[in-house]
Amino acid sequence: MGETKNIFDYAKKELSQDAFLMWLFENYDCDEECIRDAAFMLLREFGIKADKDRIKTIKTDAQW
């Protein structure tokens, strides 16, 4: 597990909701259980079959 990333590394423009989603998904493996759970619950809400034991990495990209 890794250290929780800082949301302000992502929220650099007015697209703060996008920054929040990037931050959430890139913290899927952090030490904070509530953040990990939220990331996987949202992935499932998006229709993605997310299994904590099978996902090795999540990569996000900002809109352009």
PDB file of N, CA and C in Angstrom:
ATOM      1  N   MET A   1       0.841  -1.169   0.000  1.00  0.00           N
ATOM      2  CA  MET A   1       0.000   0.000   0.000  1.00  0.00           C
ATOM      3  C   MET A   1       0.887   1.234   0.000  1.00  0.00           C
ATOM      4  N   GLY A   2       0.346   2.308  -0.514  1.00  0.00           N
ATOM      5  CA  GLY A   2       1.157   3.508  -0.606  1.00  0.00           C
ATOM      6  C   GLY A   2       0.573   4.666   0.165  1.00  0.00           C
ATOM      7  N   GLU A   3       1.359   5.692   0.241  1.00  0.00           N
ATOM      8  CA  GLU A   3       0.941   6.912   0.906  1.00  0.00           C
ATOM      9  C   GLU A   3      -0.139   7.602   0.069  1.00  0.00           C
ATOM     10  N   THR A   4      -1.104   8.239   0.723  1.00  0.00           N
ATOM     11  CA  THR A   4      -2.178   8.938   0.025  1.00  0.00           C
ATOM     12  C   THR A   4      -1.607  10.113  -0.752  1.00  0.00           C
ATOM     13  N   LYS A   5      -1.979  10.199  -2.026  1.00  0.00           N
ATOM     14  CA  LYS A   5      -1.527  11.293  -2.874  1.00  0.00           C
ATOM     15  C   LYS A   5      -2.281  12.570  -2.514  1.00  0.00           C
ATOM     16  N   ASN A   6      -1.710  13.709  -2.801  1.00  0.00           N
ATOM     17  CA  ASN A   6      -2.292  14.994  -2.477  1.00  0.00           C
ATOM     18  C   ASN A   6      -3.242  15.427  -3.589  1.00  0.00           C
ATOM     19  N   ILE A   7      -4.495  15.771  -3.253  1.00  0.00           N
ATOM     20  CA  ILE A   7      -5.490  16.160  -4.265  1.00  0.00           C
ATOM     21  C   ILE A   7      -5.061  17.422  -5.011  1.00  0.00           C
ATOM     22  N   PHE A   8      -4.276  18.288  -4.382  1.00  0.00           N
ATOM     23  CA  PHE A   8      -3.869  19.522  -5.042  1.00  0.00           C
ATOM     24  C   PHE A   8      -2.821  19.288  -6.128  1.00  0.00           C
ATOM     25  N   ASP A   9      -2.289  18.076  -6.224  1.00  0.00           N
ATOM     26  CA  ASP A   9      -1.434  17.729  -7.354  1.00  0.00           C
ATOM     27  C   ASP A   9      -2.276  17.547  -8.617  1.00  0.00           C
ATOM     28  N   TYR A  10      -3.578  17.327  -8.456  1.00  0.00           N
ATOM     29  CA  TYR A  10      -4.481  17.088  -9.577  1.00  0.00           C
ATOM     30  C   TYR A  10      -5.372  18.301  -9.866  1.00  0.00           C
ATOM     31  N   ALA A  11      -5.804  19.023  -8.838  1.00  0.00           N
ATOM     32  CA  ALA A  11      -6.763  20.127  -8.986  1.00  0.00           C
ATOM     33  C   ALA A  11      -6.028  21.420  -9.305  1.00  0.00           C
ATOM     34  N   LYS A  12      -5.604  21.558 -10.545  1.00  0.00           N
ATOM     35  CA  LYS A  12      -4.826  22.730 -10.943  1.00  0.00           C
ATOM     36  C   LYS A  12      -5.655  23.730 -11.745  1.00  0.00           C
ATOM     37  N   LYS A  13      -6.828  23.336 -12.192  1.00  0.00           N
ATOM     38  CA  LYS A  13      -7.670  24.207 -13.005  1.00  0.00           C
ATOM     39  C   LYS A  13      -9.091  24.144 -12.487  1.00  0.00           C
ATOM     40  N   GLU A  14     -10.005  24.707 -13.249  1.00  0.00           N
ATOM     41  CA  GLU A  14     -11.408  24.734 -12.831  1.00  0.00           C
ATOM     42  C   GLU A  14     -12.074  23.360 -12.908  1.00  0.00           C
ATOM     43  N   LEU A  15     -11.411  22.374 -13.439  1.00  0.00           N
ATOM     44  CA  LEU A  15     -11.979  21.040 -13.567  1.00  0.00           C
ATOM     45  C   LEU A  15     -11.757  20.233 -12.283  1.00  0.00           C
ATOM     46  N   SER A  16     -12.190  20.794 -11.171  1.00  0.00           N
ATOM     47  CA  SER A  16     -11.896  20.168  -9.879  1.00  0.00           C
ATOM     48  C   SER A  16     -12.605  18.837  -9.700  1.00  0.00           C
ATOM     49  N   GLN A  17     -13.794  18.652 -10.306  1.00  0.00           N
ATOM     50  CA  GLN A  17     -14.461  17.351 -10.175  1.00  0.00           C
ATOM     51  C   GLN A  17     -13.657  16.271 -10.890  1.00  0.00           C
ATOM     52  N   ASP A  18     -13.050  16.620 -12.015  1.00  0.00           N
ATOM     53  CA  ASP A  18     -12.180  15.673 -12.708  1.00  0.00           C
ATOM     54  C   ASP A  18     -10.956  15.370 -11.855  1.00  0.00           C
ATOM     55  N   ALA A  19     -10.421  16.413 -11.233  1.00  0.00           N
ATOM     56  CA  ALA A  19      -9.257  16.231 -10.373  1.00  0.00           C
ATOM     57  C   ALA A  19      -9.599  15.317  -9.205  1.00  0.00           C
ATOM     58  N   PHE A  20     -10.785  15.478  -8.649  1.00  0.00           N
ATOM     59  CA  PHE A  20     -11.182  14.620  -7.537  1.00  0.00           C
ATOM     60  C   PHE A  20     -11.249  13.158  -7.974  1.00  0.00           C
ATOM     61  N   LEU A  21     -11.838  12.900  -9.141  1.00  0.00           N
ATOM     62  CA  LEU A  21     -11.924  11.522  -9.627  1.00  0.00           C
ATOM     63  C   LEU A  21     -10.542  10.945  -9.897  1.00  0.00           C
ATOM     64  N   MET A  22      -9.658  11.737 -10.478  1.00  0.00           N
ATOM     65  CA  MET A  22      -8.284  11.265 -10.703  1.00  0.00           C
ATOM     66  C   MET A  22      -7.632  10.927  -9.370  1.00  0.00           C
ATOM     67  N   TRP A  23      -7.763  11.829  -8.412  1.00  0.00           N
ATOM     68  CA  TRP A  23      -7.178  11.614  -7.085  1.00  0.00           C
ATOM     69  C   TRP A  23      -7.739  10.355  -6.440  1.00  0.00           C
ATOM     70  N   LEU A  24      -9.070  10.195  -6.500  1.00  0.00           N
ATOM     71  CA  LEU A  24      -9.713   9.041  -5.881  1.00  0.00           C
ATOM     72  C   LEU A  24      -9.219   7.741  -6.500  1.00  0.00           C
ATOM     73  N   PHE A  25      -9.245   7.650  -7.821  1.00  0.00           N
ATOM     74  CA  PHE A  25      -8.858   6.402  -8.475  1.00  0.00           C
ATOM     75  C   PHE A  25      -7.368   6.111  -8.340  1.00  0.00           C
ATOM     76  N   GLU A  26      -6.534   7.134  -8.327  1.00  0.00           N
ATOM     77  CA  GLU A  26      -5.103   6.881  -8.180  1.00  0.00           C
ATOM     78  C   GLU A  26      -4.710   6.570  -6.736  1.00  0.00           C
ATOM     79  N   ASN A  27      -5.654   6.734  -5.815  1.00  0.00           N
ATOM     80  CA  ASN A  27      -5.415   6.355  -4.422  1.00  0.00           C
ATOM     81  C   ASN A  27      -6.102   5.034  -4.073  1.00  0.00           C
ATOM     82  N   TYR A  28      -6.435   4.242  -5.076  1.00  0.00           N
ATOM     83  CA  TYR A  28      -7.132   2.977  -4.844  1.00  0.00           C
ATOM     84  C   TYR A  28      -6.329   2.030  -3.948  1.00  0.00           C
ATOM     85  N   ASP A  29      -5.035   2.251  -3.823  1.00  0.00           N
ATOM     86  CA  ASP A  29      -4.200   1.352  -3.026  1.00  0.00           C
ATOM     87  C   ASP A  29      -3.520   2.058  -1.852  1.00  0.00           C
ATOM     88  N   CYS A  30      -4.074   3.191  -1.420  1.00  0.00           N
ATOM     89  CA  CYS A  30      -3.455   3.936  -0.318  1.00  0.00           C
ATOM     90  C   CYS A  30      -3.753   3.264   1.029  1.00  0.00           C
ATOM     91  N   ASP A  31      -3.209   3.826   2.080  1.00  0.00           N
ATOM     92  CA  ASP A  31      -3.374   3.260   3.418  1.00  0.00           C
ATOM     93  C   ASP A  31      -4.758   3.531   4.020  1.00  0.00           C
ATOM     94  N   GLU A  32      -5.489   4.494   3.486  1.00  0.00           N
ATOM     95  CA  GLU A  32      -6.802   4.872   4.022  1.00  0.00           C
ATOM     96  C   GLU A  32      -7.892   3.959   3.457  1.00  0.00           C
ATOM     97  N   GLU A  33      -8.441   3.107   4.315  1.00  0.00           N
ATOM     98  CA  GLU A  33      -9.447   2.138   3.874  1.00  0.00           C
ATOM     99  C   GLU A  33     -10.680   2.808   3.276  1.00  0.00           C
ATOM    100  N   CYS A  34     -11.126   3.923   3.848  1.00  0.00           N
ATOM    101  CA  CYS A  34     -12.335   4.579   3.337  1.00  0.00           C
ATOM    102  C   CYS A  34     -12.126   5.110   1.915  1.00  0.00           C
ATOM    103  N   ILE A  35     -10.908   5.570   1.599  1.00  0.00           N
ATOM    104  CA  ILE A  35     -10.611   6.035   0.240  1.00  0.00           C
ATOM    105  C   ILE A  35     -10.587   4.860  -0.722  1.00  0.00           C
ATOM    106  N   ARG A  36      -9.933   3.778  -0.324  1.00  0.00           N
ATOM    107  CA  ARG A  36      -9.897   2.574  -1.175  1.00  0.00           C
ATOM    108  C   ARG A  36     -11.314   2.081  -1.454  1.00  0.00           C
ATOM    109  N   ASP A  37     -12.141   1.988  -0.408  1.00  0.00           N
ATOM    110  CA  ASP A  37     -13.519   1.514  -0.575  1.00  0.00           C
ATOM    111  C   ASP A  37     -14.314   2.425  -1.494  1.00  0.00           C
ATOM    112  N   ALA A  38     -14.146   3.739  -1.337  1.00  0.00           N
ATOM    113  CA  ALA A  38     -14.879   4.690  -2.180  1.00  0.00           C
ATOM    114  C   ALA A  38     -14.479   4.532  -3.647  1.00  0.00           C
ATOM    115  N   ALA A  39     -13.193   4.347  -3.911  1.00  0.00           N
ATOM    116  CA  ALA A  39     -12.730   4.187  -5.296  1.00  0.00           C
ATOM    117  C   ALA A  39     -13.366   2.962  -5.931  1.00  0.00           C
ATOM    118  N   PHE A  40     -13.383   1.847  -5.220  1.00  0.00           N
ATOM    119  CA  PHE A  40     -13.934   0.628  -5.797  1.00  0.00           C
ATOM    120  C   PHE A  40     -15.459   0.672  -5.895  1.00  0.00           C
ATOM    121  N   MET A  41     -16.111   1.318  -4.940  1.00  0.00           N
ATOM    122  CA  MET A  41     -17.574   1.455  -5.031  1.00  0.00           C
ATOM    123  C   MET A  41     -17.947   2.291  -6.248  1.00  0.00           C
ATOM    124  N   LEU A  42     -17.202   3.369  -6.513  1.00  0.00           N
ATOM    125  CA  LEU A  42     -17.509   4.211  -7.662  1.00  0.00           C
ATOM    126  C   LEU A  42     -17.218   3.493  -8.975  1.00  0.00           C
ATOM    127  N   LEU A  43     -16.129   2.739  -9.022  1.00  0.00           N
ATOM    128  CA  LEU A  43     -15.867   1.941 -10.227  1.00  0.00           C
ATOM    129  C   LEU A  43     -17.024   0.993 -10.511  1.00  0.00           C
ATOM    130  N   ARG A  44     -17.540   0.342  -9.474  1.00  0.00           N
ATOM    131  CA  ARG A  44     -18.676  -0.569  -9.655  1.00  0.00           C
ATOM    132  C   ARG A  44     -19.921   0.192 -10.100  1.00  0.00           C
ATOM    133  N   GLU A  45     -20.134   1.398  -9.566  1.00  0.00           N
ATOM    134  CA  GLU A  45     -21.273   2.223 -10.000  1.00  0.00           C
ATOM    135  C   GLU A  45     -21.163   2.599 -11.472  1.00  0.00           C
ATOM    136  N   PHE A  46     -19.932   2.748 -11.959  1.00  0.00           N
ATOM    137  CA  PHE A  46     -19.696   3.042 -13.373  1.00  0.00           C
ATOM    138  C   PHE A  46     -19.837   1.799 -14.245  1.00  0.00           C
ATOM    139  N   GLY A  47     -20.105   0.653 -13.623  1.00  0.00           N
ATOM    140  CA  GLY A  47     -20.282  -0.579 -14.376  1.00  0.00           C
ATOM    141  C   GLY A  47     -18.995  -1.346 -14.610  1.00  0.00           C
ATOM    142  N   ILE A  48     -17.953  -0.996 -13.919  1.00  0.00           N
ATOM    143  CA  ILE A  48     -16.668  -1.679 -14.069  1.00  0.00           C
ATOM    144  C   ILE A  48     -16.567  -2.732 -12.977  1.00  0.00           C
ATOM    145  N   LYS A  49     -16.350  -3.958 -13.396  1.00  0.00           N
ATOM    146  CA  LYS A  49     -16.242  -5.058 -12.430  1.00  0.00           C
ATOM    147  C   LYS A  49     -14.877  -4.968 -11.757  1.00  0.00           C
ATOM    148  N   ALA A  50     -14.854  -4.267 -10.629  1.00  0.00           N
ATOM    149  CA  ALA A  50     -13.597  -3.992  -9.938  1.00  0.00           C
ATOM    150  C   ALA A  50     -13.430  -4.930  -8.754  1.00  0.00           C
ATOM    151  N   ASP A  51     -12.400  -5.726  -8.796  1.00  0.00           N
ATOM    152  CA  ASP A  51     -12.063  -6.649  -7.716  1.00  0.00           C
ATOM    153  C   ASP A  51     -10.741  -6.186  -7.119  1.00  0.00           C
ATOM    154  N   LYS A  52     -10.756  -5.833  -5.837  1.00  0.00           N
ATOM    155  CA  LYS A  52      -9.569  -5.281  -5.176  1.00  0.00           C
ATOM    156  C   LYS A  52      -8.351  -6.189  -5.296  1.00  0.00           C
ATOM    157  N   ASP A  53      -8.566  -7.479  -5.340  1.00  0.00           N
ATOM    158  CA  ASP A  53      -7.451  -8.415  -5.385  1.00  0.00           C
ATOM    159  C   ASP A  53      -6.860  -8.573  -6.787  1.00  0.00           C
ATOM    160  N   ARG A  54      -7.602  -8.192  -7.807  1.00  0.00           N
ATOM    161  CA  ARG A  54      -7.129  -8.414  -9.176  1.00  0.00           C
ATOM    162  C   ARG A  54      -6.570  -7.169  -9.850  1.00  0.00           C
ATOM    163  N   ILE A  55      -6.945  -5.983  -9.385  1.00  0.00           N
ATOM    164  CA  ILE A  55      -6.452  -4.756 -10.010  1.00  0.00           C
ATOM    165  C   ILE A  55      -5.052  -4.465  -9.505  1.00  0.00           C
ATOM    166  N   LYS A  56      -4.126  -4.318 -10.428  1.00  0.00           N
ATOM    167  CA  LYS A  56      -2.728  -4.057 -10.089  1.00  0.00           C
ATOM    168  C   LYS A  56      -2.385  -2.575 -10.165  1.00  0.00           C
ATOM    169  N   THR A  57      -3.043  -1.852 -11.077  1.00  0.00           N
ATOM    170  CA  THR A  57      -2.764  -0.425 -11.232  1.00  0.00           C
ATOM    171  C   THR A  57      -3.966   0.269 -11.875  1.00  0.00           C
ATOM    172  N   ILE A  58      -4.129   1.527 -11.539  1.00  0.00           N
ATOM    173  CA  ILE A  58      -5.140   2.371 -12.177  1.00  0.00           C
ATOM    174  C   ILE A  58      -4.411   3.614 -12.649  1.00  0.00           C
ATOM    175  N   LYS A  59      -4.542   3.933 -13.914  1.00  0.00           N
ATOM    176  CA  LYS A  59      -3.905   5.111 -14.508  1.00  0.00           C
ATOM    177  C   LYS A  59      -4.993   6.043 -14.996  1.00  0.00           C
ATOM    178  N   THR A  60      -4.905   7.311 -14.638  1.00  0.00           N
ATOM    179  CA  THR A  60      -5.863   8.303 -15.092  1.00  0.00           C
ATOM    180  C   THR A  60      -5.147   9.349 -15.927  1.00  0.00           C
ATOM    181  N   ASP A  61      -5.907  10.038 -16.764  1.00  0.00           N
ATOM    182  CA  ASP A  61      -5.388  11.140 -17.559  1.00  0.00           C
ATOM    183  C   ASP A  61      -6.365  12.301 -17.455  1.00  0.00           C
ATOM    184  N   ALA A  62      -5.837  13.498 -17.418  1.00  0.00           N
ATOM    185  CA  ALA A  62      -6.675  14.687 -17.380  1.00  0.00           C
ATOM    186  C   ALA A  62      -7.301  14.927 -18.759  1.00  0.00           C
ATOM    187  N   GLN A  63      -8.422  15.627 -18.761  1.00  0.00           N
ATOM    188  CA  GLN A  63      -9.053  16.010 -20.032  1.00  0.00           C
ATOM    189  C   GLN A  63      -8.124  16.956 -20.778  1.00  0.00           C
ATOM    190  N   TRP A  64      -8.253  16.964 -22.084  1.00  0.00           N
ATOM    191  CA  TRP A  64      -7.480  17.895 -22.877  1.00  0.00           C
ATOM    192  C   TRP A  64      -8.353  18.525 -23.929  1.00  0.00           C
TER     193      TRP A  64
END
